[in-house]
Each structure stands twice: as structure tokens, then as C-alpha cells.
């Protein structure tokens, strides 16, 4: 679990997973974040079709945090899941649930391998 101070007296907790496979087995509820470490992924290839993004919906303390640069930061809301590759300034928004988003990312990863 990573913690990031976003206001003077408020911190944000982020669940941390080492792979997409691990992330798919977990539950991340609306209003929560998770981070999938990039060691097991080719992030440039995976995110090549994602939108260019400055992640304006994230606070600077989160965007510039070195812990979140080499992987995918996932923000879950009630209606959509927003995934960010901060170092590459890319994002992907998927309507639906966390599990739907993880399946989509996993499928994209598999197609990039084959």
C-alpha cells in the first residue's frame, strides 16, 4: 500500500499490485485507486493506442509522485475506470466496472504479445 499526501491533513491510500493478473484478482471500489507496477509490462506498447493525457483530474502531488511513474495508476469511479501511464502521459477511460477495465487491459496486453 502506498500513501500519498494530497492535502495538509489528508492522505490517499493506493493498493499496489505487481501485475495485471494480480490486479484482476482484487477488488477496487469506486473512489479508490490502485497502482500496477510496470516491471512485467511493456508500457510503451500497451499504451500506444491510449489518449495523450496530462492527467488533469489528478492532483499534482499524485501526478508528480515518483512511485506512480513506472506503471499504471487506476482511478475507479461509479461509472468509469480511468487508467494512467503518467511517465508516458497517456490515459485510457473505460465505461463500467474495475473488473471490466482490468479484462480490457489484460486482453490488450495479450494481443501485444502475439
PDB file of N, CA and C in Angstrom:
ATOM      1  N   UNK A   1       0.851  -1.170   0.000  1.00  0.00           N
ATOM      2  CA  UNK A   1       0.000   0.000   0.000  1.00  0.00           C
ATOM      3  C   UNK A   1       0.896   1.232   0.000  1.00  0.00           C
ATOM      4  N   UNK A   2       0.675   2.119  -0.962  1.00  0.00           N
ATOM      5  CA  UNK A   2       1.361   3.401  -0.990  1.00  0.00           C
ATOM      6  C   UNK A   2       0.441   4.437  -0.359  1.00  0.00           C
ATOM      7  N   UNK A   3       1.030   5.451   0.223  1.00  0.00           N
ATOM      8  CA  UNK A   3       0.264   6.581   0.738  1.00  0.00           C
ATOM      9  C   UNK A   3       0.836   7.849   0.110  1.00  0.00           C
ATOM     10  N   UNK A   4      -0.049   8.739  -0.277  1.00  0.00           N
ATOM     11  CA  UNK A   4       0.364   9.998  -0.897  1.00  0.00           C
ATOM     12  C   UNK A   4      -0.398  11.132  -0.233  1.00  0.00           C
ATOM     13  N   UNK A   5       0.313  12.112   0.288  1.00  0.00           N
ATOM     14  CA  UNK A   5      -0.342  13.268   0.905  1.00  0.00           C
ATOM     15  C   UNK A   5      -0.911  14.144  -0.204  1.00  0.00           C
ATOM     16  N   UNK A   6      -2.230  14.383  -0.135  1.00  0.00           N
ATOM     17  CA  UNK A   6      -2.866  15.219  -1.150  1.00  0.00           C
ATOM     18  C   UNK A   6      -3.343  16.548  -0.588  1.00  0.00           C
ATOM     19  N   UNK A   7      -3.438  16.649   0.705  1.00  0.00           N
ATOM     20  CA  UNK A   7      -3.726  17.909   1.391  1.00  0.00           C
ATOM     21  C   UNK A   7      -2.966  17.867   2.702  1.00  0.00           C
ATOM     22  N   UNK A   8      -2.935  18.981   3.395  1.00  0.00           N
ATOM     23  CA  UNK A   8      -2.146  19.067   4.620  1.00  0.00           C
ATOM     24  C   UNK A   8      -2.453  17.933   5.588  1.00  0.00           C
ATOM     25  N   UNK A   9      -3.722  17.605   5.766  1.00  0.00           N
ATOM     26  CA  UNK A   9      -4.096  16.569   6.729  1.00  0.00           C
ATOM     27  C   UNK A   9      -4.802  15.388   6.081  1.00  0.00           C
ATOM     28  N   UNK A  10      -4.642  15.238   4.777  1.00  0.00           N
ATOM     29  CA  UNK A  10      -5.337  14.159   4.090  1.00  0.00           C
ATOM     30  C   UNK A  10      -4.353  13.371   3.235  1.00  0.00           C
ATOM     31  N   UNK A  11      -4.395  12.060   3.361  1.00  0.00           N
ATOM     32  CA  UNK A  11      -3.570  11.213   2.515  1.00  0.00           C
ATOM     33  C   UNK A  11      -4.467  10.310   1.683  1.00  0.00           C
ATOM     34  N   UNK A  12      -3.930   9.855   0.584  1.00  0.00           N
ATOM     35  CA  UNK A  12      -4.635   8.952  -0.307  1.00  0.00           C
ATOM     36  C   UNK A  12      -3.938   7.600  -0.226  1.00  0.00           C
ATOM     37  N   UNK A  13      -4.698   6.540  -0.006  1.00  0.00           N
ATOM     38  CA  UNK A  13      -4.127   5.201   0.014  1.00  0.00           C
ATOM     39  C   UNK A  13      -4.324   4.566  -1.352  1.00  0.00           C
ATOM     40  N   UNK A  14      -3.290   3.899  -1.819  1.00  0.00           N
ATOM     41  CA  UNK A  14      -3.315   3.273  -3.135  1.00  0.00           C
ATOM     42  C   UNK A  14      -2.897   1.818  -2.985  1.00  0.00           C
ATOM     43  N   UNK A  15      -3.782   0.898  -3.392  1.00  0.00           N
ATOM     44  CA  UNK A  15      -3.418  -0.512  -3.385  1.00  0.00           C
ATOM     45  C   UNK A  15      -2.372  -0.729  -4.474  1.00  0.00           C
ATOM     46  N   UNK A  16      -1.381  -1.578  -4.203  1.00  0.00           N
ATOM     47  CA  UNK A  16      -0.298  -1.801  -5.155  1.00  0.00           C
ATOM     48  C   UNK A  16      -0.273  -3.271  -5.560  1.00  0.00           C
ATOM     49  N   UNK A  17      -0.241  -3.508  -6.874  1.00  0.00           N
ATOM     50  CA  UNK A  17      -0.191  -4.859  -7.416  1.00  0.00           C
ATOM     51  C   UNK A  17       1.034  -4.993  -8.309  1.00  0.00           C
ATOM     52  N   UNK A  18       1.595  -6.188  -8.363  1.00  0.00           N
ATOM     53  CA  UNK A  18       2.811  -6.389  -9.145  1.00  0.00           C
ATOM     54  C   UNK A  18       2.533  -6.778 -10.595  1.00  0.00           C
ATOM     55  N   UNK A  19       1.278  -7.086 -10.930  1.00  0.00           N
ATOM     56  CA  UNK A  19       0.956  -7.470 -12.304  1.00  0.00           C
ATOM     57  C   UNK A  19      -0.533  -7.265 -12.576  1.00  0.00           C
ATOM     58  N   UNK A  20      -0.885  -7.289 -13.855  1.00  0.00           N
ATOM     59  CA  UNK A  20      -2.298  -7.228 -14.244  1.00  0.00           C
ATOM     60  C   UNK A  20      -3.024  -8.450 -13.694  1.00  0.00           C
ATOM     61  N   UNK A  21      -2.381  -9.618 -13.760  1.00  0.00           N
ATOM     62  CA  UNK A  21      -3.013 -10.847 -13.259  1.00  0.00           C
ATOM     63  C   UNK A  21      -3.374 -10.708 -11.783  1.00  0.00           C
ATOM     64  N   UNK A  22      -2.469 -10.151 -10.997  1.00  0.00           N
ATOM     65  CA  UNK A  22      -2.758  -9.938  -9.577  1.00  0.00           C
ATOM     66  C   UNK A  22      -3.882  -8.919  -9.405  1.00  0.00           C
ATOM     67  N   UNK A  23      -3.845  -7.844 -10.180  1.00  0.00           N
ATOM     68  CA  UNK A  23      -4.874  -6.802 -10.087  1.00  0.00           C
ATOM     69  C   UNK A  23      -6.255  -7.348 -10.434  1.00  0.00           C
ATOM     70  N   UNK A  24      -6.317  -8.280 -11.382  1.00  0.00           N
ATOM     71  CA  UNK A  24      -7.598  -8.853 -11.789  1.00  0.00           C
ATOM     72  C   UNK A  24      -8.246  -9.661 -10.667  1.00  0.00           C
ATOM     73  N   UNK A  25      -7.452 -10.174  -9.753  1.00  0.00           N
ATOM     74  CA  UNK A  25      -7.970 -10.995  -8.648  1.00  0.00           C
ATOM     75  C   UNK A  25      -8.472 -10.151  -7.481  1.00  0.00           C
ATOM     76  N   UNK A  26      -8.244  -8.861  -7.537  1.00  0.00           N
ATOM     77  CA  UNK A  26      -8.571  -7.979  -6.422  1.00  0.00           C
ATOM     78  C   UNK A  26      -9.825  -7.156  -6.711  1.00  0.00           C
ATOM     79  N   UNK A  27     -10.339  -6.535  -5.676  1.00  0.00           N
ATOM     80  CA  UNK A  27     -11.472  -5.624  -5.805  1.00  0.00           C
ATOM     81  C   UNK A  27     -11.007  -4.217  -5.453  1.00  0.00           C
ATOM     82  N   UNK A  28     -11.287  -3.283  -6.319  1.00  0.00           N
ATOM     83  CA  UNK A  28     -11.016  -1.872  -6.055  1.00  0.00           C
ATOM     84  C   UNK A  28     -12.355  -1.161  -6.228  1.00  0.00           C
ATOM     85  N   UNK A  29     -12.818  -0.554  -5.174  1.00  0.00           N
ATOM     86  CA  UNK A  29     -14.144   0.061  -5.141  1.00  0.00           C
ATOM     87  C   UNK A  29     -14.138   1.487  -5.682  1.00  0.00           C
ATOM     88  N   UNK A  30     -15.313   1.980  -6.109  1.00  0.00           N
ATOM     89  CA  UNK A  30     -15.397   3.379  -6.541  1.00  0.00           C
ATOM     90  C   UNK A  30     -14.855   4.327  -5.475  1.00  0.00           C
ATOM     91  N   UNK A  31     -14.091   5.312  -5.937  1.00  0.00           N
ATOM     92  CA  UNK A  31     -13.468   6.269  -5.034  1.00  0.00           C
ATOM     93  C   UNK A  31     -12.071   5.849  -4.608  1.00  0.00           C
ATOM     94  N   UNK A  32     -11.642   4.652  -5.019  1.00  0.00           N
ATOM     95  CA  UNK A  32     -10.321   4.141  -4.637  1.00  0.00           C
ATOM     96  C   UNK A  32      -9.386   4.126  -5.841  1.00  0.00           C
ATOM     97  N   UNK A  33      -8.095   4.004  -5.524  1.00  0.00           N
ATOM     98  CA  UNK A  33      -7.042   3.924  -6.526  1.00  0.00           C
ATOM     99  C   UNK A  33      -6.273   2.624  -6.353  1.00  0.00           C
ATOM    100  N   UNK A  34      -5.659   2.178  -7.446  1.00  0.00           N
ATOM    101  CA  UNK A  34      -4.663   1.118  -7.344  1.00  0.00           C
ATOM    102  C   UNK A  34      -3.540   1.451  -8.316  1.00  0.00           C
ATOM    103  N   UNK A  35      -2.415   0.816  -8.104  1.00  0.00           N
ATOM    104  CA  UNK A  35      -1.258   1.013  -8.968  1.00  0.00           C
ATOM    105  C   UNK A  35      -0.726  -0.350  -9.362  1.00  0.00           C
ATOM    106  N   UNK A  36      -0.538  -0.555 -10.663  1.00  0.00           N
ATOM    107  CA  UNK A  36       0.002  -1.809 -11.173  1.00  0.00           C
ATOM    108  C   UNK A  36       1.417  -1.528 -11.634  1.00  0.00           C
ATOM    109  N   UNK A  37       2.373  -2.160 -10.969  1.00  0.00           N
ATOM    110  CA  UNK A  37       3.780  -1.934 -11.298  1.00  0.00           C
ATOM    111  C   UNK A  37       4.062  -2.368 -12.730  1.00  0.00           C
ATOM    112  N   UNK A  38       4.920  -1.628 -13.391  1.00  0.00           N
ATOM    113  CA  UNK A  38       5.176  -1.848 -14.806  1.00  0.00           C
ATOM    114  C   UNK A  38       6.263  -2.839 -15.142  1.00  0.00           C
ATOM    115  N   UNK A  39       6.885  -3.472 -14.133  1.00  0.00           N
ATOM    116  CA  UNK A  39       8.014  -4.355 -14.418  1.00  0.00           C
ATOM    117  C   UNK A  39       7.656  -5.509 -15.343  1.00  0.00           C
ATOM    118  N   UNK A  40       6.417  -5.991 -15.258  1.00  0.00           N
ATOM    119  CA  UNK A  40       6.019  -7.149 -16.055  1.00  0.00           C
ATOM    120  C   UNK A  40       5.340  -6.751 -17.369  1.00  0.00           C
ATOM    121  N   UNK A  41       5.338  -5.455 -17.700  1.00  0.00           N
ATOM    122  CA  UNK A  41       4.628  -4.983 -18.891  1.00  0.00           C
ATOM    123  C   UNK A  41       5.522  -4.124 -19.767  1.00  0.00           C
ATOM    124  N   UNK A  42       5.257  -4.166 -21.060  1.00  0.00           N
ATOM    125  CA  UNK A  42       5.864  -3.214 -21.980  1.00  0.00           C
ATOM    126  C   UNK A  42       4.889  -2.041 -22.064  1.00  0.00           C
ATOM    127  N   UNK A  43       5.086  -1.055 -21.207  1.00  0.00           N
ATOM    128  CA  UNK A  43       4.124   0.043 -21.078  1.00  0.00           C
ATOM    129  C   UNK A  43       3.990   0.873 -22.353  1.00  0.00           C
ATOM    130  N   UNK A  44       5.076   1.094 -23.055  1.00  0.00           N
ATOM    131  CA  UNK A  44       5.010   1.880 -24.295  1.00  0.00           C
ATOM    132  C   UNK A  44       4.131   1.171 -25.321  1.00  0.00           C
ATOM    133  N   UNK A  45       4.285  -0.128 -25.445  1.00  0.00           N
ATOM    134  CA  UNK A  45       3.481  -0.909 -26.392  1.00  0.00           C
ATOM    135  C   UNK A  45       2.021  -0.995 -25.945  1.00  0.00           C
ATOM    136  N   UNK A  46       1.813  -1.273 -24.663  1.00  0.00           N
ATOM    137  CA  UNK A  46       0.459  -1.408 -24.126  1.00  0.00           C
ATOM    138  C   UNK A  46      -0.350  -0.123 -24.294  1.00  0.00           C
ATOM    139  N   UNK A  47       0.296   1.011 -24.106  1.00  0.00           N
ATOM    140  CA  UNK A  47      -0.425   2.293 -24.100  1.00  0.00           C
ATOM    141  C   UNK A  47      -0.343   3.054 -25.423  1.00  0.00           C
ATOM    142  N   UNK A  48       0.184   2.437 -26.460  1.00  0.00           N
ATOM    143  CA  UNK A  48       0.381   3.174 -27.723  1.00  0.00           C
ATOM    144  C   UNK A  48      -0.928   3.693 -28.320  1.00  0.00           C
ATOM    145  N   UNK A  49      -2.059   3.042 -28.051  1.00  0.00           N
ATOM    146  CA  UNK A  49      -3.350   3.499 -28.572  1.00  0.00           C
ATOM    147  C   UNK A  49      -4.164   4.280 -27.546  1.00  0.00           C
ATOM    148  N   UNK A  50      -3.586   4.546 -26.382  1.00  0.00           N
ATOM    149  CA  UNK A  50      -4.265   5.340 -25.361  1.00  0.00           C
ATOM    150  C   UNK A  50      -4.187   6.808 -25.770  1.00  0.00           C
ATOM    151  N   UNK A  51      -5.049   7.635 -25.198  1.00  0.00           N
ATOM    152  CA  UNK A  51      -5.066   9.067 -25.495  1.00  0.00           C
ATOM    153  C   UNK A  51      -3.893   9.779 -24.827  1.00  0.00           C
ATOM    154  N   UNK A  52      -3.410  10.819 -25.494  1.00  0.00           N
ATOM    155  CA  UNK A  52      -2.443  11.709 -24.858  1.00  0.00           C
ATOM    156  C   UNK A  52      -3.153  12.368 -23.681  1.00  0.00           C
ATOM    157  N   UNK A  53      -2.477  12.460 -22.544  1.00  0.00           N
ATOM    158  CA  UNK A  53      -3.152  12.992 -21.361  1.00  0.00           C
ATOM    159  C   UNK A  53      -2.170  13.651 -20.413  1.00  0.00           C
ATOM    160  N   UNK A  54      -2.601  14.760 -19.855  1.00  0.00           N
ATOM    161  CA  UNK A  54      -1.833  15.415 -18.800  1.00  0.00           C
ATOM    162  C   UNK A  54      -2.400  15.068 -17.433  1.00  0.00           C
ATOM    163  N   UNK A  55      -3.377  14.169 -17.399  1.00  0.00           N
ATOM    164  CA  UNK A  55      -3.990  13.700 -16.145  1.00  0.00           C
ATOM    165  C   UNK A  55      -4.470  14.867 -15.283  1.00  0.00           C
ATOM    166  N   UNK A  56      -5.201  15.778 -15.896  1.00  0.00           N
ATOM    167  CA  UNK A  56      -5.634  16.982 -15.187  1.00  0.00           C
ATOM    168  C   UNK A  56      -6.597  16.699 -14.038  1.00  0.00           C
ATOM    169  N   UNK A  57      -7.231  15.538 -14.036  1.00  0.00           N
ATOM    170  CA  UNK A  57      -8.150  15.223 -12.936  1.00  0.00           C
ATOM    171  C   UNK A  57      -7.413  14.740 -11.689  1.00  0.00           C
ATOM    172  N   UNK A  58      -6.109  14.520 -11.810  1.00  0.00           N
ATOM    173  CA  UNK A  58      -5.306  14.100 -10.655  1.00  0.00           C
ATOM    174  C   UNK A  58      -4.588  15.300 -10.049  1.00  0.00           C
ATOM    175  N   UNK A  59      -4.428  15.290  -8.766  1.00  0.00           N
ATOM    176  CA  UNK A  59      -3.680  16.348  -8.070  1.00  0.00           C
ATOM    177  C   UNK A  59      -2.196  16.235  -8.435  1.00  0.00           C
ATOM    178  N   UNK A  60      -1.499  17.372  -8.431  1.00  0.00           N
ATOM    179  CA  UNK A  60      -0.071  17.389  -8.753  1.00  0.00           C
ATOM    180  C   UNK A  60       0.732  16.471  -7.849  1.00  0.00           C
ATOM    181  N   UNK A  61       0.344  16.379  -6.581  1.00  0.00           N
ATOM    182  CA  UNK A  61       1.062  15.522  -5.638  1.00  0.00           C
ATOM    183  C   UNK A  61       1.027  14.068  -6.081  1.00  0.00           C
ATOM    184  N   UNK A  62      -0.022  13.693  -6.770  1.00  0.00           N
ATOM    185  CA  UNK A  62      -0.154  12.327  -7.281  1.00  0.00           C
ATOM    186  C   UNK A  62       0.585  12.202  -8.605  1.00  0.00           C
ATOM    187  N   UNK A  63       0.326  13.130  -9.542  1.00  0.00           N
ATOM    188  CA  UNK A  63       0.927  13.067 -10.879  1.00  0.00           C
ATOM    189  C   UNK A  63       2.447  13.073 -10.844  1.00  0.00           C
ATOM    190  N   UNK A  64       3.013  13.845  -9.940  1.00  0.00           N
ATOM    191  CA  UNK A  64       4.468  14.008  -9.910  1.00  0.00           C
ATOM    192  C   UNK A  64       5.161  13.055  -8.951  1.00  0.00           C
ATOM    193  N   UNK A  65       4.398  12.233  -8.257  1.00  0.00           N
ATOM    194  CA  UNK A  65       4.977  11.293  -7.302  1.00  0.00           C
ATOM    195  C   UNK A  65       5.772  10.231  -8.063  1.00  0.00           C
ATOM    196  N   UNK A  66       7.059  10.068  -7.761  1.00  0.00           N
ATOM    197  CA  UNK A  66       7.881   9.100  -8.489  1.00  0.00           C
ATOM    198  C   UNK A  66       7.396   7.656  -8.352  1.00  0.00           C
ATOM    199  N   UNK A  67       6.651   7.353  -7.305  1.00  0.00           N
ATOM    200  CA  UNK A  67       6.147   5.989  -7.118  1.00  0.00           C
ATOM    201  C   UNK A  67       5.185   5.578  -8.226  1.00  0.00           C
ATOM    202  N   UNK A  68       4.501   6.540  -8.840  1.00  0.00           N
ATOM    203  CA  UNK A  68       3.452   6.228  -9.807  1.00  0.00           C
ATOM    204  C   UNK A  68       3.875   6.407 -11.264  1.00  0.00           C
ATOM    205  N   UNK A  69       5.146   6.574 -11.540  1.00  0.00           N
ATOM    206  CA  UNK A  69       5.600   6.848 -12.901  1.00  0.00           C
ATOM    207  C   UNK A  69       5.753   5.589 -13.751  1.00  0.00           C
ATOM    208  N   UNK A  70       6.255   4.513 -13.177  1.00  0.00           N
ATOM    209  CA  UNK A  70       6.564   3.307 -13.955  1.00  0.00           C
ATOM    210  C   UNK A  70       5.529   2.221 -13.728  1.00  0.00           C
ATOM    211  N   UNK A  71       4.344   2.459 -14.238  1.00  0.00           N
ATOM    212  CA  UNK A  71       3.253   1.508 -14.110  1.00  0.00           C
ATOM    213  C   UNK A  71       1.958   2.190 -14.487  1.00  0.00           C
ATOM    214  N   UNK A  72       0.858   1.565 -14.106  1.00  0.00           N
ATOM    215  CA  UNK A  72      -0.463   2.099 -14.428  1.00  0.00           C
ATOM    216  C   UNK A  72      -1.183   2.465 -13.144  1.00  0.00           C
ATOM    217  N   UNK A  73      -1.530   3.728 -13.016  1.00  0.00           N
ATOM    218  CA  UNK A  73      -2.322   4.210 -11.889  1.00  0.00           C
ATOM    219  C   UNK A  73      -3.784   4.154 -12.316  1.00  0.00           C
ATOM    220  N   UNK A  74      -4.607   3.498 -11.507  1.00  0.00           N
ATOM    221  CA  UNK A  74      -6.008   3.280 -11.852  1.00  0.00           C
ATOM    222  C   UNK A  74      -6.902   4.000 -10.850  1.00  0.00           C
ATOM    223  N   UNK A  75      -7.789   4.831 -11.373  1.00  0.00           N
ATOM    224  CA  UNK A  75      -8.760   5.568 -10.557  1.00  0.00           C
ATOM    225  C   UNK A  75     -10.148   5.013 -10.881  1.00  0.00           C
ATOM    226  N   UNK A  76     -10.845   4.517  -9.860  1.00  0.00           N
ATOM    227  CA  UNK A  76     -12.156   3.899 -10.058  1.00  0.00           C
ATOM    228  C   UNK A  76     -13.251   4.865  -9.603  1.00  0.00           C
ATOM    229  N   UNK A  77     -14.235   5.089 -10.465  1.00  0.00           N
ATOM    230  CA  UNK A  77     -15.410   5.876 -10.101  1.00  0.00           C
ATOM    231  C   UNK A  77     -16.639   4.984 -10.254  1.00  0.00           C
ATOM    232  N   UNK A  78     -17.802   5.527  -9.986  1.00  0.00           N
ATOM    233  CA  UNK A  78     -19.026   4.718 -10.086  1.00  0.00           C
ATOM    234  C   UNK A  78     -19.342   4.293 -11.509  1.00  0.00           C
ATOM    235  N   UNK A  79     -19.013   5.144 -12.479  1.00  0.00           N
ATOM    236  CA  UNK A  79     -19.408   4.866 -13.863  1.00  0.00           C
ATOM    237  C   UNK A  79     -18.268   4.473 -14.785  1.00  0.00           C
ATOM    238  N   UNK A  80     -17.040   4.781 -14.383  1.00  0.00           N
ATOM    239  CA  UNK A  80     -15.920   4.502 -15.278  1.00  0.00           C
ATOM    240  C   UNK A  80     -14.641   4.246 -14.493  1.00  0.00           C
ATOM    241  N   UNK A  81     -13.661   3.749 -15.231  1.00  0.00           N
ATOM    242  CA  UNK A  81     -12.339   3.482 -14.665  1.00  0.00           C
ATOM    243  C   UNK A  81     -11.332   4.206 -15.542  1.00  0.00           C
ATOM    244  N   UNK A  82     -10.516   5.032 -14.929  1.00  0.00           N
ATOM    245  CA  UNK A  82      -9.522   5.820 -15.653  1.00  0.00           C
ATOM    246  C   UNK A  82      -8.142   5.244 -15.326  1.00  0.00           C
ATOM    247  N   UNK A  83      -7.407   4.854 -16.351  1.00  0.00           N
ATOM    248  CA  UNK A  83      -6.066   4.299 -16.181  1.00  0.00           C
ATOM    249  C   UNK A  83      -5.056   5.290 -16.745  1.00  0.00           C
ATOM    250  N   UNK A  84      -3.986   5.510 -16.002  1.00  0.00           N
ATOM    251  CA  UNK A  84      -2.972   6.494 -16.397  1.00  0.00           C
ATOM    252  C   UNK A  84      -1.590   5.853 -16.449  1.00  0.00           C
ATOM    253  N   UNK A  85      -0.873   6.116 -17.528  1.00  0.00           N
ATOM    254  CA  UNK A  85       0.558   5.843 -17.593  1.00  0.00           C
ATOM    255  C   UNK A  85       1.202   7.222 -17.522  1.00  0.00           C
ATOM    256  N   UNK A  86       1.568   7.648 -16.320  1.00  0.00           N
ATOM    257  CA  UNK A  86       1.984   9.031 -16.088  1.00  0.00           C
ATOM    258  C   UNK A  86       3.282   9.395 -16.793  1.00  0.00           C
ATOM    259  N   UNK A  87       4.272   8.501 -16.778  1.00  0.00           N
ATOM    260  CA  UNK A  87       5.543   8.828 -17.437  1.00  0.00           C
ATOM    261  C   UNK A  87       5.331   9.044 -18.935  1.00  0.00           C
ATOM    262  N   UNK A  88       4.457   8.256 -19.535  1.00  0.00           N
ATOM    263  CA  UNK A  88       4.191   8.371 -20.967  1.00  0.00           C
ATOM    264  C   UNK A  88       3.104   9.363 -21.316  1.00  0.00           C
ATOM    265  N   UNK A  89       2.524  10.016 -20.294  1.00  0.00           N
ATOM    266  CA  UNK A  89       1.445  10.988 -20.474  1.00  0.00           C
ATOM    267  C   UNK A  89       0.312  10.421 -21.328  1.00  0.00           C
ATOM    268  N   UNK A  90      -0.169   9.236 -20.928  1.00  0.00           N
ATOM    269  CA  UNK A  90      -1.252   8.554 -21.637  1.00  0.00           C
ATOM    270  C   UNK A  90      -2.340   8.176 -20.647  1.00  0.00           C
ATOM    271  N   UNK A  91      -3.575   8.066 -21.150  1.00  0.00           N
ATOM    272  CA  UNK A  91      -4.671   7.601 -20.303  1.00  0.00           C
ATOM    273  C   UNK A  91      -5.678   6.815 -21.132  1.00  0.00           C
ATOM    274  N   UNK A  92      -6.433   5.996 -20.422  1.00  0.00           N
ATOM    275  CA  UNK A  92      -7.482   5.191 -21.032  1.00  0.00           C
ATOM    276  C   UNK A  92      -8.685   5.238 -20.108  1.00  0.00           C
ATOM    277  N   UNK A  93      -9.833   5.601 -20.647  1.00  0.00           N
ATOM    278  CA  UNK A  93     -11.064   5.650 -19.863  1.00  0.00           C
ATOM    279  C   UNK A  93     -11.979   4.533 -20.353  1.00  0.00           C
ATOM    280  N   UNK A  94     -12.427   3.702 -19.430  1.00  0.00           N
ATOM    281  CA  UNK A  94     -13.313   2.596 -19.776  1.00  0.00           C
ATOM    282  C   UNK A  94     -14.595   2.737 -18.973  1.00  0.00           C
ATOM    283  N   UNK A  95     -15.725   2.792 -19.670  1.00  0.00           N
ATOM    284  CA  UNK A  95     -17.025   2.829 -19.002  1.00  0.00           C
ATOM    285  C   UNK A  95     -17.258   1.458 -18.379  1.00  0.00           C
ATOM    286  N   UNK A  96     -17.722   1.442 -17.138  1.00  0.00           N
ATOM    287  CA  UNK A  96     -18.026   0.172 -16.495  1.00  0.00           C
ATOM    288  C   UNK A  96     -17.255  -0.028 -15.213  1.00  0.00           C
ATOM    289  N   UNK A  97     -17.101  -1.277 -14.848  1.00  0.00           N
ATOM    290  CA  UNK A  97     -16.528  -1.644 -13.557  1.00  0.00           C
ATOM    291  C   UNK A  97     -15.018  -1.829 -13.628  1.00  0.00           C
ATOM    292  N   UNK A  98     -14.430  -1.935 -12.455  1.00  0.00           N
ATOM    293  CA  UNK A  98     -12.998  -2.204 -12.335  1.00  0.00           C
ATOM    294  C   UNK A  98     -12.639  -3.513 -13.039  1.00  0.00           C
ATOM    295  N   UNK A  99     -13.423  -4.565 -12.823  1.00  0.00           N
ATOM    296  CA  UNK A  99     -13.091  -5.860 -13.431  1.00  0.00           C
ATOM    297  C   UNK A  99     -13.180  -5.787 -14.957  1.00  0.00           C
ATOM    298  N   UNK A 100     -14.129  -5.035 -15.493  1.00  0.00           N
ATOM    299  CA  UNK A 100     -14.232  -4.843 -16.941  1.00  0.00           C
ATOM    300  C   UNK A 100     -12.979  -4.157 -17.478  1.00  0.00           C
ATOM    301  N   UNK A 101     -12.512  -3.144 -16.777  1.00  0.00           N
ATOM    302  CA  UNK A 101     -11.311  -2.414 -17.199  1.00  0.00           C
ATOM    303  C   UNK A 101     -10.076  -3.311 -17.159  1.00  0.00           C
ATOM    304  N   UNK A 102      -9.933  -4.110 -16.103  1.00  0.00           N
ATOM    305  CA  UNK A 102      -8.767  -4.989 -15.994  1.00  0.00           C
ATOM    306  C   UNK A 102      -8.771  -6.046 -17.093  1.00  0.00           C
ATOM    307  N   UNK A 103      -9.949  -6.571 -17.425  1.00  0.00           N
ATOM    308  CA  UNK A 103     -10.054  -7.549 -18.521  1.00  0.00           C
ATOM    309  C   UNK A 103      -9.653  -6.905 -19.841  1.00  0.00           C
ATOM    310  N   UNK A 104     -10.078  -5.681 -20.066  1.00  0.00           N
ATOM    311  CA  UNK A 104      -9.738  -4.969 -21.291  1.00  0.00           C
ATOM    312  C   UNK A 104      -8.228  -4.743 -21.408  1.00  0.00           C
ATOM    313  N   UNK A 105      -7.608  -4.320 -20.318  1.00  0.00           N
ATOM    314  CA  UNK A 105      -6.155  -4.093 -20.326  1.00  0.00           C
ATOM    315  C   UNK A 105      -5.415  -5.412 -20.506  1.00  0.00           C
ATOM    316  N   UNK A 106      -5.888  -6.456 -19.843  1.00  0.00           N
ATOM    317  CA  UNK A 106      -5.268  -7.778 -19.973  1.00  0.00           C
ATOM    318  C   UNK A 106      -5.358  -8.283 -21.411  1.00  0.00           C
ATOM    319  N   UNK A 107      -6.514  -8.109 -22.032  1.00  0.00           N
ATOM    320  CA  UNK A 107      -6.699  -8.530 -23.424  1.00  0.00           C
ATOM    321  C   UNK A 107      -5.759  -7.756 -24.342  1.00  0.00           C
ATOM    322  N   UNK A 108      -5.628  -6.465 -24.122  1.00  0.00           N
ATOM    323  CA  UNK A 108      -4.713  -5.646 -24.929  1.00  0.00           C
ATOM    324  C   UNK A 108      -3.271  -6.109 -24.754  1.00  0.00           C
ATOM    325  N   UNK A 109      -2.912  -6.456 -23.523  1.00  0.00           N
ATOM    326  CA  UNK A 109      -1.556  -6.958 -23.267  1.00  0.00           C
ATOM    327  C   UNK A 109      -1.305  -8.250 -24.028  1.00  0.00           C
ATOM    328  N   UNK A 110      -2.280  -9.154 -23.985  1.00  0.00           N
ATOM    329  CA  UNK A 110      -2.139 -10.440 -24.667  1.00  0.00           C
ATOM    330  C   UNK A 110      -2.019 -10.253 -26.177  1.00  0.00           C
ATOM    331  N   UNK A 111      -2.793  -9.344 -26.741  1.00  0.00           N
ATOM    332  CA  UNK A 111      -2.722  -9.126 -28.188  1.00  0.00           C
ATOM    333  C   UNK A 111      -1.392  -8.485 -28.583  1.00  0.00           C
ATOM    334  N   UNK A 112      -0.792  -7.710 -27.689  1.00  0.00           N
ATOM    335  CA  UNK A 112       0.523  -7.120 -27.968  1.00  0.00           C
ATOM    336  C   UNK A 112       1.620  -8.169 -27.940  1.00  0.00           C
ATOM    337  N   UNK A 113       1.409  -9.243 -27.173  1.00  0.00           N
ATOM    338  CA  UNK A 113       2.400 -10.315 -27.100  1.00  0.00           C
ATOM    339  C   UNK A 113       2.370 -11.188 -28.345  1.00  0.00           C
ATOM    340  N   UNK A 114       1.183 -11.342 -28.905  1.00  0.00           N
ATOM    341  CA  UNK A 114       1.026 -12.271 -30.025  1.00  0.00           C
ATOM    342  C   UNK A 114       1.072 -11.576 -31.297  1.00  0.00           C
TER     343      UNK A 114
END
